[in-house]
């Protein structure tokens, strides 16, 4: 039973690491947009290419997660990338975090908690 719990925690951690990784594709995309005047520049090709590399790696990890986790739980956690986007925007691009963003983050966390909690309850009775 303990191995099962540890395994669930490690898959959940892997899910969130992959979502963090996925959110970085948005950062790279925004960095690439700084060079759209010359789409053949080394800088643009680097950042835009990095988007593809990140999303390719994310797709592989996502498929492995879906083999080990219920689809409802995995998809319920995907909005975490929006929260990472808020964090990256503030840290990298100097964007201001508003109360509406914080309220949205709270709604996302509440939704994840509710779906994950229901899945746990359902898993115990099954």
Foldseek 3Di string as FASTA:
>chain_A
DVVLVVVVVVLVVLLVVLLLLLLVLVVLVVQLVVVVVDCPDPRNCVSNVVSVVSVVVSVVSLVVSVVPDPPQLSVLLNCVSVVSNLVCCCPPVVDDDDPVNVVVVVVSVVSSCVSVVVVVVVVVVD
